[in-house]
Amino acid sequence: MNKDDIKIRLGFVLLPQFALNAFSSFADLLALLGVETEAPGSCDWEVVAQTLIPVRSASGVQVVPTHLLGDPQRFDYVVVVGGPLSPREADTAALSPWLKEAARCGCHLLGLCNGVFALAQAGVLAGYRLCVPGDLLWEFERRFPSFLPDQLVVDRTMVFDRRRITCAGGAAVSDLASRVLCRHVPRADVQRALRRLQLPATESTHPIQPPPAGLPAGCPAALQRAVLLIEQYAGNTLAVDDLADKLGLSSRQLQRLFSRYLATTPQAYARRIRLRLVRWMLVHSDKSLAAIASDCGFADAAHMSRAFHAAHGTPPGVWRRQQSAVVLPDVPDPENTV
């Protein structure tokens, strides 16, 4: 098969501590297509990097790049595979010039897991909607404050926006990979490869990211989306009517969901999430109390301080000083009890 017969060319870039399952979900499907399709070899892919030093995954397994970065124009798709935790800025910034060149060449750019950080760092997501893993949302907003809440999607597992594709990772990667590949090879071939991998061949129309911890088992998908959207708009005080509209519900239906499953109201739940965001920003930023109050949807620092003191028994400034010697993780507190 000559180069003209290749229907799709992909270049994979693995960030340090990348999620092995995100990479393997894509790579396994490509490997099976290479032997199962009516036109073997129609999919060509490489693992590229600045050096050929093995890249360690989050699980400790190392993958050796097959080629140096080189000219991105040889790829139709550049797939940045990240991991479950916040990436180091140095690791994402190092790829920026190459990713910018890939964007100029017209490549489709994919960000898996925290790979969206690398694309944002390169400045190739301006004007696009993008999927951000829910646990990394507040860190993403801290690093890239120019993105508006409407651009950041946390209630879906993937977003396709023109030549930018982003995915939260996990089981959704197989679905994303099949959607991409079906653009270039027969759908029957992709479905046959999925069956070989014991994966469902149907595409989920509206996959939802896992909700925050603390939701009761069996709660409706609409409620799961509601709490994810409240976190997405934590700093903007999303009105109940607007939240209900985004969910395709009436305000009364939304109120009933929160009352039945969480024994609270959407407004009270949103206040709790805003206070969680305040706590996170007090530890993970050096912003003033006034700036934090503005970012977290409070009228002013005094309003925030009263709410914080009522919830935690201490003013936010005192709480920040008490926490200054405590080493906390780089992700938001997953506690979300009601």
C-alpha atoms as a PDB file:
ATOM      1  CA  MET A   1       0.000   0.000   0.000  1.00  0.00           C
ATOM      2  CA  ASN A   2       1.418   3.377  -0.971  1.00  0.00           C
ATOM      3  CA  LYS A   3       0.998   6.626   0.885  1.00  0.00           C
ATOM      4  CA  ASP A   4      -1.983   7.656  -1.243  1.00  0.00           C
ATOM      5  CA  ASP A   5      -3.931   4.657   0.071  1.00  0.00           C
ATOM      6  CA  ILE A   6      -3.608   5.730   3.715  1.00  0.00           C
ATOM      7  CA  LYS A   7      -6.910   7.282   4.783  1.00  0.00           C
ATOM      8  CA  ILE A   8      -5.939   8.657   8.176  1.00  0.00           C
ATOM      9  CA  ARG A   9      -2.619   9.533   9.816  1.00  0.00           C
ATOM     10  CA  LEU A  10      -2.370  10.118  13.560  1.00  0.00           C
ATOM     11  CA  GLY A  11       0.451  11.332  15.764  1.00  0.00           C
ATOM     12  CA  PHE A  12       0.248  10.571  19.498  1.00  0.00           C
ATOM     13  CA  VAL A  13       2.033  12.794  22.007  1.00  0.00           C
ATOM     14  CA  LEU A  14       2.245  11.320  25.514  1.00  0.00           C
ATOM     15  CA  LEU A  15       2.496  13.715  28.435  1.00  0.00           C
ATOM     16  CA  PRO A  16       4.420  12.541  31.516  1.00  0.00           C
ATOM     17  CA  GLN A  17       2.128  10.530  33.814  1.00  0.00           C
ATOM     18  CA  PHE A  18      -0.322   9.964  30.954  1.00  0.00           C
ATOM     19  CA  ALA A  19      -3.286   7.630  31.406  1.00  0.00           C
ATOM     20  CA  LEU A  20      -2.298   4.301  29.889  1.00  0.00           C
ATOM     21  CA  ASN A  21      -5.907   3.261  29.321  1.00  0.00           C
ATOM     22  CA  ALA A  22      -6.602   6.433  27.309  1.00  0.00           C
ATOM     23  CA  PHE A  23      -3.688   5.677  24.993  1.00  0.00           C
ATOM     24  CA  SER A  24      -4.372   1.953  24.740  1.00  0.00           C
ATOM     25  CA  SER A  25      -8.080   2.476  24.038  1.00  0.00           C
ATOM     26  CA  PHE A  26      -7.141   4.380  20.894  1.00  0.00           C
ATOM     27  CA  ALA A  27      -4.077   2.316  19.974  1.00  0.00           C
ATOM     28  CA  ASP A  28      -5.765  -1.082  20.398  1.00  0.00           C
ATOM     29  CA  LEU A  29      -8.563  -0.030  18.075  1.00  0.00           C
ATOM     30  CA  LEU A  30      -6.065   1.182  15.478  1.00  0.00           C
ATOM     31  CA  ALA A  31      -4.062  -2.027  15.761  1.00  0.00           C
ATOM     32  CA  LEU A  32      -7.131  -4.191  15.138  1.00  0.00           C
ATOM     33  CA  LEU A  33      -8.188  -2.031  12.213  1.00  0.00           C
ATOM     34  CA  GLY A  34      -4.783  -2.716  10.746  1.00  0.00           C
ATOM     35  CA  VAL A  35      -5.597  -6.412  10.389  1.00  0.00           C
ATOM     36  CA  GLU A  36      -9.406  -6.504  10.315  1.00  0.00           C
ATOM     37  CA  THR A  37     -10.294  -3.926   7.695  1.00  0.00           C
ATOM     38  CA  GLU A  38     -10.927  -4.578   4.033  1.00  0.00           C
ATOM     39  CA  ALA A  39      -7.963  -2.303   3.338  1.00  0.00           C
ATOM     40  CA  PRO A  40      -5.252  -3.153   5.921  1.00  0.00           C
ATOM     41  CA  GLY A  41      -2.807  -0.328   6.473  1.00  0.00           C
ATOM     42  CA  SER A  42      -5.317   2.415   5.784  1.00  0.00           C
ATOM     43  CA  CYS A  43      -4.623   3.817   9.287  1.00  0.00           C
ATOM     44  CA  ASP A  44      -1.093   5.004   9.971  1.00  0.00           C
ATOM     45  CA  TRP A  45       0.024   6.216  13.393  1.00  0.00           C
ATOM     46  CA  GLU A  46       3.131   7.113  15.347  1.00  0.00           C
ATOM     47  CA  VAL A  47       4.067   8.004  18.921  1.00  0.00           C
ATOM     48  CA  VAL A  48       6.116  11.182  18.672  1.00  0.00           C
ATOM     49  CA  ALA A  49       8.140  13.200  21.165  1.00  0.00           C
ATOM     50  CA  GLN A  50      11.003  15.675  21.441  1.00  0.00           C
ATOM     51  CA  THR A  51      13.341  12.780  22.297  1.00  0.00           C
ATOM     52  CA  LEU A  52      13.130   8.998  22.092  1.00  0.00           C
ATOM     53  CA  ILE A  53      13.372   8.651  25.871  1.00  0.00           C
ATOM     54  CA  PRO A  54      10.572   6.420  27.233  1.00  0.00           C
ATOM     55  CA  VAL A  55       7.578   8.284  28.660  1.00  0.00           C
ATOM     56  CA  ARG A  56       6.279   6.983  31.986  1.00  0.00           C
ATOM     57  CA  SER A  57       2.539   6.569  32.401  1.00  0.00           C
ATOM     58  CA  ALA A  58       0.605   7.166  35.621  1.00  0.00           C
ATOM     59  CA  SER A  59       0.682   3.406  36.214  1.00  0.00           C
ATOM     60  CA  GLY A  60       4.474   3.241  35.813  1.00  0.00           C
ATOM     61  CA  VAL A  61       4.444   1.505  32.415  1.00  0.00           C
ATOM     62  CA  GLN A  62       6.779   3.241  29.977  1.00  0.00           C
ATOM     63  CA  VAL A  63       6.205   3.757  26.270  1.00  0.00           C
ATOM     64  CA  VAL A  64       9.067   4.444  23.863  1.00  0.00           C
ATOM     65  CA  PRO A  65       8.252   7.064  21.186  1.00  0.00           C
ATOM     66  CA  THR A  66       8.614   5.753  17.657  1.00  0.00           C
ATOM     67  CA  HIS A  67       9.604   9.049  16.014  1.00  0.00           C
ATOM     68  CA  LEU A  68      10.691  12.577  16.839  1.00  0.00           C
ATOM     69  CA  LEU A  69       8.120  15.361  16.553  1.00  0.00           C
ATOM     70  CA  GLY A  70       9.217  16.457  13.096  1.00  0.00           C
ATOM     71  CA  ASP A  71       6.804  18.080  10.673  1.00  0.00           C
ATOM     72  CA  PRO A  72       3.231  17.960  12.032  1.00  0.00           C
ATOM     73  CA  GLN A  73       1.869  18.380   8.507  1.00  0.00           C
ATOM     74  CA  ARG A  74       2.301  14.632   7.994  1.00  0.00           C
ATOM     75  CA  PHE A  75      -0.611  14.021  10.389  1.00  0.00           C
ATOM     76  CA  ASP A  76      -4.345  14.464   9.969  1.00  0.00           C
ATOM     77  CA  TYR A  77      -4.823  14.231  13.740  1.00  0.00           C
ATOM     78  CA  VAL A  78      -2.483  15.082  16.609  1.00  0.00           C
ATOM     79  CA  VAL A  79      -3.597  13.361  19.818  1.00  0.00           C
ATOM     80  CA  VAL A  80      -2.206  14.709  23.090  1.00  0.00           C
ATOM     81  CA  VAL A  81      -2.659  11.994  25.715  1.00  0.00           C
ATOM     82  CA  GLY A  82      -2.640  13.316  29.257  1.00  0.00           C
ATOM     83  CA  GLY A  83      -3.329  11.810  32.643  1.00  0.00           C
ATOM     84  CA  PRO A  84      -5.741  12.101  35.554  1.00  0.00           C
ATOM     85  CA  LEU A  85      -3.834  14.735  37.559  1.00  0.00           C
ATOM     86  CA  SER A  86      -2.920  18.341  36.912  1.00  0.00           C
ATOM     87  CA  PRO A  87       0.094  18.439  34.540  1.00  0.00           C
ATOM     88  CA  ARG A  88       3.236  20.405  35.188  1.00  0.00           C
ATOM     89  CA  GLU A  89       3.269  23.668  33.275  1.00  0.00           C
ATOM     90  CA  ALA A  90       6.791  22.940  32.043  1.00  0.00           C
ATOM     91  CA  ASP A  91       5.631  19.709  30.386  1.00  0.00           C
ATOM     92  CA  THR A  92       2.761  21.372  28.546  1.00  0.00           C
ATOM     93  CA  ALA A  93       4.644  24.547  27.626  1.00  0.00           C
ATOM     94  CA  ALA A  94       7.455  22.551  25.999  1.00  0.00           C
ATOM     95  CA  LEU A  95       5.040  21.301  23.336  1.00  0.00           C
ATOM     96  CA  SER A  96       3.496  24.677  22.580  1.00  0.00           C
ATOM     97  CA  PRO A  97       5.541  25.662  19.489  1.00  0.00           C
ATOM     98  CA  TRP A  98       4.940  22.288  17.826  1.00  0.00           C
ATOM     99  CA  LEU A  99       1.209  22.299  18.625  1.00  0.00           C
ATOM    100  CA  LYS A 100       0.906  25.828  17.248  1.00  0.00           C
ATOM    101  CA  GLU A 101       2.535  24.669  14.043  1.00  0.00           C
ATOM    102  CA  ALA A 102       0.162  21.681  13.883  1.00  0.00           C
ATOM    103  CA  ALA A 103      -2.777  24.084  14.193  1.00  0.00           C
ATOM    104  CA  ARG A 104      -1.374  26.270  11.403  1.00  0.00           C
ATOM    105  CA  CYS A 105      -1.082  23.162   9.221  1.00  0.00           C
ATOM    106  CA  GLY A 106      -4.770  22.438   9.673  1.00  0.00           C
ATOM    107  CA  CYS A 107      -4.379  19.318  11.810  1.00  0.00           C
ATOM    108  CA  HIS A 108      -7.248  18.157  13.973  1.00  0.00           C
ATOM    109  CA  LEU A 109      -6.018  18.523  17.557  1.00  0.00           C
ATOM    110  CA  LEU A 110      -7.249  16.111  20.211  1.00  0.00           C
ATOM    111  CA  GLY A 111      -6.730  16.462  23.963  1.00  0.00           C
ATOM    112  CA  LEU A 112      -7.392  13.389  26.113  1.00  0.00           C
ATOM    113  CA  CYS A 113      -7.663  13.711  29.915  1.00  0.00           C
ATOM    114  CA  ASN A 114      -5.426  16.591  31.008  1.00  0.00           C
ATOM    115  CA  GLY A 115      -4.109  16.892  27.439  1.00  0.00           C
ATOM    116  CA  VAL A 116      -6.495  19.833  27.161  1.00  0.00           C
ATOM    117  CA  PHE A 117      -4.027  21.780  29.332  1.00  0.00           C
ATOM    118  CA  ALA A 118      -1.318  21.390  26.692  1.00  0.00           C
ATOM    119  CA  LEU A 119      -3.630  22.620  23.934  1.00  0.00           C
ATOM    120  CA  ALA A 120      -4.712  25.600  26.038  1.00  0.00           C
ATOM    121  CA  GLN A 121      -1.091  26.390  26.913  1.00  0.00           C
ATOM    122  CA  ALA A 122      -0.282  26.435  23.194  1.00  0.00           C
ATOM    123  CA  GLY A 123      -3.051  28.954  22.559  1.00  0.00           C
ATOM    124  CA  VAL A 124      -4.850  26.766  20.011  1.00  0.00           C
ATOM    125  CA  LEU A 125      -8.223  26.598  21.817  1.00  0.00           C
ATOM    126  CA  ALA A 126      -9.221  30.266  21.700  1.00  0.00           C
ATOM    127  CA  GLY A 127     -12.818  30.526  20.538  1.00  0.00           C
ATOM    128  CA  TYR A 128     -13.515  26.797  20.940  1.00  0.00           C
ATOM    129  CA  ARG A 129     -15.672  24.869  23.384  1.00  0.00           C
ATOM    130  CA  LEU A 130     -13.713  22.201  25.213  1.00  0.00           C
ATOM    131  CA  CYS A 131     -14.216  19.327  27.606  1.00  0.00           C
ATOM    132  CA  VAL A 132     -12.362  19.636  30.907  1.00  0.00           C
ATOM    133  CA  PRO A 133     -12.248  16.774  33.451  1.00  0.00           C
ATOM    134  CA  GLY A 134     -14.466  17.867  36.333  1.00  0.00           C
ATOM    135  CA  ASP A 135     -11.811  17.262  38.996  1.00  0.00           C
ATOM    136  CA  LEU A 136      -9.417  19.568  37.127  1.00  0.00           C
ATOM    137  CA  LEU A 137     -11.865  22.345  36.288  1.00  0.00           C
ATOM    138  CA  TRP A 138     -10.800  24.814  38.966  1.00  0.00           C
ATOM    139  CA  GLU A 139      -7.098  24.253  38.249  1.00  0.00           C
ATOM    140  CA  PHE A 140      -7.763  24.807  34.537  1.00  0.00           C
ATOM    141  CA  GLU A 141      -9.608  28.050  35.282  1.00  0.00           C
ATOM    142  CA  ARG A 142      -6.752  29.192  37.518  1.00  0.00           C
ATOM    143  CA  ARG A 143      -4.179  28.643  34.784  1.00  0.00           C
ATOM    144  CA  PHE A 144      -6.283  29.888  31.880  1.00  0.00           C
ATOM    145  CA  PRO A 145      -8.630  32.606  33.187  1.00  0.00           C
ATOM    146  CA  SER A 146      -9.425  33.907  29.687  1.00  0.00           C
ATOM    147  CA  PHE A 147     -11.831  31.018  29.022  1.00  0.00           C
ATOM    148  CA  LEU A 148     -15.485  31.782  29.694  1.00  0.00           C
ATOM    149  CA  PRO A 149     -17.653  29.298  31.639  1.00  0.00           C
ATOM    150  CA  ASP A 150     -19.749  28.595  28.539  1.00  0.00           C
ATOM    151  CA  GLN A 151     -16.613  27.327  26.779  1.00  0.00           C
ATOM    152  CA  LEU A 152     -15.737  24.811  29.491  1.00  0.00           C
ATOM    153  CA  VAL A 153     -17.840  21.652  29.412  1.00  0.00           C
ATOM    154  CA  VAL A 154     -17.774  19.352  32.451  1.00  0.00           C
ATOM    155  CA  ASP A 155     -21.137  17.615  32.148  1.00  0.00           C
ATOM    156  CA  ARG A 156     -20.118  15.736  28.974  1.00  0.00           C
ATOM    157  CA  THR A 157     -17.256  13.345  28.395  1.00  0.00           C
ATOM    158  CA  MET A 158     -16.217  14.796  25.036  1.00  0.00           C
ATOM    159  CA  VAL A 159     -16.636  17.849  22.835  1.00  0.00           C
ATOM    160  CA  PHE A 160     -16.206  18.020  19.057  1.00  0.00           C
ATOM    161  CA  ASP A 161     -15.774  21.627  17.910  1.00  0.00           C
ATOM    162  CA  ARG A 162     -14.538  21.891  14.348  1.00  0.00           C
ATOM    163  CA  ARG A 163     -10.884  20.795  14.314  1.00  0.00           C
ATOM    164  CA  ARG A 164     -10.600  20.618  18.115  1.00  0.00           C
ATOM    165  CA  ILE A 165     -11.671  17.512  20.000  1.00  0.00           C
ATOM    166  CA  THR A 166     -11.347  17.161  23.763  1.00  0.00           C
ATOM    167  CA  CYS A 167     -12.250  14.275  26.035  1.00  0.00           C
ATOM    168  CA  ALA A 168     -12.265  13.739  29.794  1.00  0.00           C
ATOM    169  CA  GLY A 169     -10.807  10.242  29.339  1.00  0.00           C
ATOM    170  CA  GLY A 170     -11.850   6.912  30.785  1.00  0.00           C
ATOM    171  CA  ALA A 171     -14.279   4.709  28.904  1.00  0.00           C
ATOM    172  CA  ALA A 172     -15.232   7.626  26.639  1.00  0.00           C
ATOM    173  CA  VAL A 173     -11.945   7.370  24.714  1.00  0.00           C
ATOM    174  CA  SER A 174     -13.059   4.238  22.847  1.00  0.00           C
ATOM    175  CA  ASP A 175     -16.254   6.016  21.840  1.00  0.00           C
ATOM    176  CA  LEU A 176     -14.292   9.070  20.717  1.00  0.00           C
ATOM    177  CA  ALA A 177     -11.800   6.943  18.774  1.00  0.00           C
ATOM    178  CA  SER A 178     -14.575   5.098  16.955  1.00  0.00           C
ATOM    179  CA  ARG A 179     -16.278   8.382  16.018  1.00  0.00           C
ATOM    180  CA  VAL A 180     -13.039   9.767  14.613  1.00  0.00           C
ATOM    181  CA  LEU A 181     -12.151   6.606  12.702  1.00  0.00           C
ATOM    182  CA  CYS A 182     -15.632   6.227  11.234  1.00  0.00           C
ATOM    183  CA  ARG A 183     -14.969   9.480   9.395  1.00  0.00           C
ATOM    184  CA  HIS A 184     -12.248   7.757   7.370  1.00  0.00           C
ATOM    185  CA  VAL A 185     -12.805   3.982   7.285  1.00  0.00           C
ATOM    186  CA  PRO A 186     -16.007   1.927   6.873  1.00  0.00           C
ATOM    187  CA  ARG A 187     -18.183   1.928   9.985  1.00  0.00           C
ATOM    188  CA  ALA A 188     -18.550  -1.853   9.732  1.00  0.00           C
ATOM    189  CA  ASP A 189     -14.779  -2.260  10.087  1.00  0.00           C
ATOM    190  CA  VAL A 190     -14.712  -0.073  13.200  1.00  0.00           C
ATOM    191  CA  GLN A 191     -17.639  -1.925  14.757  1.00  0.00           C
ATOM    192  CA  ARG A 192     -15.996  -5.275  14.042  1.00  0.00           C
ATOM    193  CA  ALA A 193     -12.809  -4.119  15.769  1.00  0.00           C
ATOM    194  CA  LEU A 194     -14.833  -2.873  18.753  1.00  0.00           C
ATOM    195  CA  ARG A 195     -16.476  -6.273  19.088  1.00  0.00           C
ATOM    196  CA  ARG A 196     -13.045  -7.905  19.096  1.00  0.00           C
ATOM    197  CA  LEU A 197     -12.182  -5.656  22.023  1.00  0.00           C
ATOM    198  CA  GLN A 198     -15.441  -6.592  23.793  1.00  0.00           C
ATOM    199  CA  LEU A 199     -16.594  -2.984  23.567  1.00  0.00           C
ATOM    200  CA  PRO A 200     -20.077  -1.799  22.611  1.00  0.00           C
ATOM    201  CA  ALA A 201     -20.365  -0.764  18.980  1.00  0.00           C
ATOM    202  CA  THR A 202     -23.037   1.853  19.650  1.00  0.00           C
ATOM    203  CA  GLU A 203     -22.162   5.466  20.270  1.00  0.00           C
ATOM    204  CA  SER A 204     -23.638   7.125  23.339  1.00  0.00           C
ATOM    205  CA  THR A 205     -25.488  10.272  22.290  1.00  0.00           C
ATOM    206  CA  HIS A 206     -25.046  12.191  25.543  1.00  0.00           C
ATOM    207  CA  PRO A 207     -22.316  10.627  27.701  1.00  0.00           C
ATOM    208  CA  ILE A 208     -22.018  12.266  31.113  1.00  0.00           C
ATOM    209  CA  GLN A 209     -18.879  12.718  33.204  1.00  0.00           C
ATOM    210  CA  PRO A 210     -18.908  10.991  36.602  1.00  0.00           C
ATOM    211  CA  PRO A 211     -20.668  13.258  39.125  1.00  0.00           C
ATOM    212  CA  PRO A 212     -18.904  14.534  42.257  1.00  0.00           C
ATOM    213  CA  ALA A 213     -18.691  12.212  45.238  1.00  0.00           C
ATOM    214  CA  GLY A 214     -21.564  12.323  47.673  1.00  0.00           C
ATOM    215  CA  LEU A 215     -24.502  11.892  45.306  1.00  0.00           C
ATOM    216  CA  PRO A 216     -26.762   8.990  46.271  1.00  0.00           C
ATOM    217  CA  ALA A 217     -26.641   5.878  44.119  1.00  0.00           C
ATOM    218  CA  GLY A 218     -29.255   5.751  41.420  1.00  0.00           C
ATOM    219  CA  CYS A 219     -29.926   9.476  41.227  1.00  0.00           C
ATOM    220  CA  PRO A 220     -31.221  10.591  37.803  1.00  0.00           C
ATOM    221  CA  ALA A 221     -28.892  11.678  35.036  1.00  0.00           C
ATOM    222  CA  ALA A 222     -30.534  15.120  35.057  1.00  0.00           C
ATOM    223  CA  LEU A 223     -29.463  15.637  38.673  1.00  0.00           C
ATOM    224  CA  GLN A 224     -25.939  14.446  37.908  1.00  0.00           C
ATOM    225  CA  ARG A 225     -25.721  16.972  35.067  1.00  0.00           C
ATOM    226  CA  ALA A 226     -27.175  19.664  37.332  1.00  0.00           C
ATOM    227  CA  VAL A 227     -24.472  19.327  39.982  1.00  0.00           C
ATOM    228  CA  LEU A 228     -21.758  19.239  37.311  1.00  0.00           C
ATOM    229  CA  LEU A 229     -23.128  22.421  35.759  1.00  0.00           C
ATOM    230  CA  ILE A 230     -23.274  24.104  39.163  1.00  0.00           C
ATOM    231  CA  GLU A 231     -19.555  23.387  39.548  1.00  0.00           C
ATOM    232  CA  GLN A 232     -18.900  24.650  36.011  1.00  0.00           C
ATOM    233  CA  TYR A 233     -20.602  27.956  36.788  1.00  0.00           C
ATOM    234  CA  ALA A 234     -19.549  28.150  40.446  1.00  0.00           C
ATOM    235  CA  GLY A 235     -18.079  31.617  40.047  1.00  0.00           C
ATOM    236  CA  ASN A 236     -20.990  33.021  38.069  1.00  0.00           C
ATOM    237  CA  THR A 237     -24.042  32.296  40.246  1.00  0.00           C
ATOM    238  CA  LEU A 238     -26.075  30.536  37.567  1.00  0.00           C
ATOM    239  CA  ALA A 239     -29.783  31.310  38.141  1.00  0.00           C
ATOM    240  CA  VAL A 240     -32.087  28.373  38.792  1.00  0.00           C
ATOM    241  CA  ASP A 241     -34.168  29.194  35.711  1.00  0.00           C
ATOM    242  CA  ASP A 242     -31.029  29.231  33.545  1.00  0.00           C
ATOM    243  CA  LEU A 243     -29.802  25.949  35.038  1.00  0.00           C
ATOM    244  CA  ALA A 244     -33.172  24.310  34.451  1.00  0.00           C
ATOM    245  CA  ASP A 245     -33.201  25.596  30.875  1.00  0.00           C
ATOM    246  CA  LYS A 246     -29.797  24.045  30.183  1.00  0.00           C
ATOM    247  CA  LEU A 247     -31.165  20.718  31.442  1.00  0.00           C
ATOM    248  CA  GLY A 248     -34.406  20.911  29.508  1.00  0.00           C
ATOM    249  CA  LEU A 249     -36.415  20.983  32.754  1.00  0.00           C
ATOM    250  CA  SER A 250     -38.782  23.405  34.416  1.00  0.00           C
ATOM    251  CA  SER A 251     -37.568  25.188  37.539  1.00  0.00           C
ATOM    252  CA  ARG A 252     -40.113  23.262  39.590  1.00  0.00           C
ATOM    253  CA  GLN A 253     -38.855  19.916  38.252  1.00  0.00           C
ATOM    254  CA  LEU A 254     -35.299  20.900  39.136  1.00  0.00           C
ATOM    255  CA  GLN A 255     -36.292  21.964  42.648  1.00  0.00           C
ATOM    256  CA  ARG A 256     -38.047  18.625  43.156  1.00  0.00           C
ATOM    257  CA  LEU A 257     -34.968  16.662  42.088  1.00  0.00           C
ATOM    258  CA  PHE A 258     -32.764  18.437  44.635  1.00  0.00           C
ATOM    259  CA  SER A 259     -35.379  18.110  47.361  1.00  0.00           C
ATOM    260  CA  ARG A 260     -35.997  14.409  46.773  1.00  0.00           C
ATOM    261  CA  TYR A 261     -32.430  13.158  46.356  1.00  0.00           C
ATOM    262  CA  LEU A 262     -30.296  15.735  48.192  1.00  0.00           C
ATOM    263  CA  ALA A 263     -32.746  17.213  50.718  1.00  0.00           C
ATOM    264  CA  THR A 264     -31.725  20.726  49.730  1.00  0.00           C
ATOM    265  CA  THR A 265     -32.399  23.371  47.101  1.00  0.00           C
ATOM    266  CA  PRO A 266     -30.328  24.186  44.013  1.00  0.00           C
ATOM    267  CA  GLN A 267     -29.568  27.600  45.516  1.00  0.00           C
ATOM    268  CA  ALA A 268     -28.271  26.129  48.792  1.00  0.00           C
ATOM    269  CA  TYR A 269     -26.257  23.515  46.928  1.00  0.00           C
ATOM    270  CA  ALA A 270     -24.709  26.212  44.714  1.00  0.00           C
ATOM    271  CA  ARG A 271     -23.726  28.264  47.792  1.00  0.00           C
ATOM    272  CA  ARG A 272     -21.986  25.219  49.223  1.00  0.00           C
ATOM    273  CA  ILE A 273     -20.069  24.700  45.977  1.00  0.00           C
ATOM    274  CA  ARG A 274     -19.040  28.375  45.912  1.00  0.00           C
ATOM    275  CA  LEU A 275     -17.677  28.044  49.435  1.00  0.00           C
ATOM    276  CA  ARG A 276     -15.749  24.937  48.379  1.00  0.00           C
ATOM    277  CA  LEU A 277     -14.281  27.016  45.559  1.00  0.00           C
ATOM    278  CA  VAL A 278     -13.355  29.739  48.047  1.00  0.00           C
ATOM    279  CA  ARG A 279     -11.529  27.171  50.200  1.00  0.00           C
ATOM    280  CA  TRP A 280      -9.692  25.823  47.163  1.00  0.00           C
ATOM    281  CA  MET A 281      -8.631  29.282  45.980  1.00  0.00           C
ATOM    282  CA  LEU A 282      -7.470  30.314  49.451  1.00  0.00           C
ATOM    283  CA  VAL A 283      -4.993  27.431  49.332  1.00  0.00           C
ATOM    284  CA  HIS A 284      -4.098  27.281  45.631  1.00  0.00           C
ATOM    285  CA  SER A 285      -3.817  30.982  44.789  1.00  0.00           C
ATOM    286  CA  ASP A 286      -2.321  34.112  46.267  1.00  0.00           C
ATOM    287  CA  LYS A 287      -5.258  36.295  45.239  1.00  0.00           C
ATOM    288  CA  SER A 288      -6.674  38.836  47.626  1.00  0.00           C
ATOM    289  CA  LEU A 289      -9.941  38.137  49.440  1.00  0.00           C
ATOM    290  CA  ALA A 290     -11.652  40.716  47.234  1.00  0.00           C
ATOM    291  CA  ALA A 291     -10.463  38.968  44.057  1.00  0.00           C
ATOM    292  CA  ILE A 292     -11.503  35.562  45.379  1.00  0.00           C
ATOM    293  CA  ALA A 293     -14.930  36.910  46.304  1.00  0.00           C
ATOM    294  CA  SER A 294     -15.376  38.222  42.766  1.00  0.00           C
ATOM    295  CA  ASP A 295     -14.183  34.960  41.189  1.00  0.00           C
ATOM    296  CA  CYS A 296     -16.513  32.895  43.391  1.00  0.00           C
ATOM    297  CA  GLY A 297     -19.698  34.815  42.712  1.00  0.00           C
ATOM    298  CA  PHE A 298     -19.959  36.849  45.922  1.00  0.00           C
ATOM    299  CA  ALA A 299     -20.990  40.510  45.937  1.00  0.00           C
ATOM    300  CA  ASP A 300     -17.842  41.562  47.790  1.00  0.00           C
ATOM    301  CA  ALA A 301     -15.232  40.344  50.288  1.00  0.00           C
ATOM    302  CA  ALA A 302     -17.454  41.176  53.265  1.00  0.00           C
ATOM    303  CA  HIS A 303     -20.302  39.070  51.871  1.00  0.00           C
ATOM    304  CA  MET A 304     -17.926  36.173  51.277  1.00  0.00           C
ATOM    305  CA  SER A 305     -16.361  36.487  54.718  1.00  0.00           C
ATOM    306  CA  ARG A 306     -19.742  36.354  56.458  1.00  0.00           C
ATOM    307  CA  ALA A 307     -20.785  33.242  54.515  1.00  0.00           C
ATOM    308  CA  PHE A 308     -17.409  31.582  55.067  1.00  0.00           C
ATOM    309  CA  HIS A 309     -17.383  32.350  58.781  1.00  0.00           C
ATOM    310  CA  ALA A 310     -20.909  30.966  59.162  1.00  0.00           C
ATOM    311  CA  ALA A 311     -19.930  27.717  57.420  1.00  0.00           C
ATOM    312  CA  HIS A 312     -16.466  27.173  58.918  1.00  0.00           C
ATOM    313  CA  GLY A 313     -16.455  29.110  62.181  1.00  0.00           C
ATOM    314  CA  THR A 314     -13.486  31.250  61.193  1.00  0.00           C
ATOM    315  CA  PRO A 315     -12.876  34.145  58.760  1.00  0.00           C
ATOM    316  CA  PRO A 316     -11.308  33.217  55.393  1.00  0.00           C
ATOM    317  CA  GLY A 317      -8.101  35.137  56.069  1.00  0.00           C
ATOM    318  CA  VAL A 318      -7.533  33.267  59.335  1.00  0.00           C
ATOM    319  CA  TRP A 319      -8.424  29.961  57.680  1.00  0.00           C
ATOM    320  CA  ARG A 320      -5.879  30.629  54.912  1.00  0.00           C
ATOM    321  CA  ARG A 321      -3.109  31.265  57.430  1.00  0.00           C
ATOM    322  CA  GLN A 322      -4.013  28.083  59.325  1.00  0.00           C
ATOM    323  CA  GLN A 323      -3.774  26.072  56.097  1.00  0.00           C
ATOM    324  CA  SER A 324      -0.521  27.625  54.900  1.00  0.00           C
ATOM    325  CA  ALA A 325       1.584  24.868  56.473  1.00  0.00           C
ATOM    326  CA  VAL A 326      -0.675  22.059  55.272  1.00  0.00           C
ATOM    327  CA  VAL A 327       0.269  20.295  52.021  1.00  0.00           C
ATOM    328  CA  LEU A 328      -2.910  19.722  49.990  1.00  0.00           C
ATOM    329  CA  PRO A 329      -3.365  17.981  46.604  1.00  0.00           C
ATOM    330  CA  ASP A 330      -3.495  19.964  43.378  1.00  0.00           C
ATOM    331  CA  VAL A 331      -7.098  18.977  42.678  1.00  0.00           C
ATOM    332  CA  PRO A 332     -10.336  20.287  44.210  1.00  0.00           C
ATOM    333  CA  ASP A 333     -11.630  18.695  47.380  1.00  0.00           C
ATOM    334  CA  PRO A 334     -13.880  15.868  46.131  1.00  0.00           C
ATOM    335  CA  GLU A 335     -16.081  15.993  49.242  1.00  0.00           C
ATOM    336  CA  ASN A 336     -19.548  16.965  48.171  1.00  0.00           C
ATOM    337  CA  THR A 337     -21.869  15.828  50.935  1.00  0.00           C
ATOM    338  CA  VAL A 338     -25.136  17.562  51.627  1.00  0.00           C
END
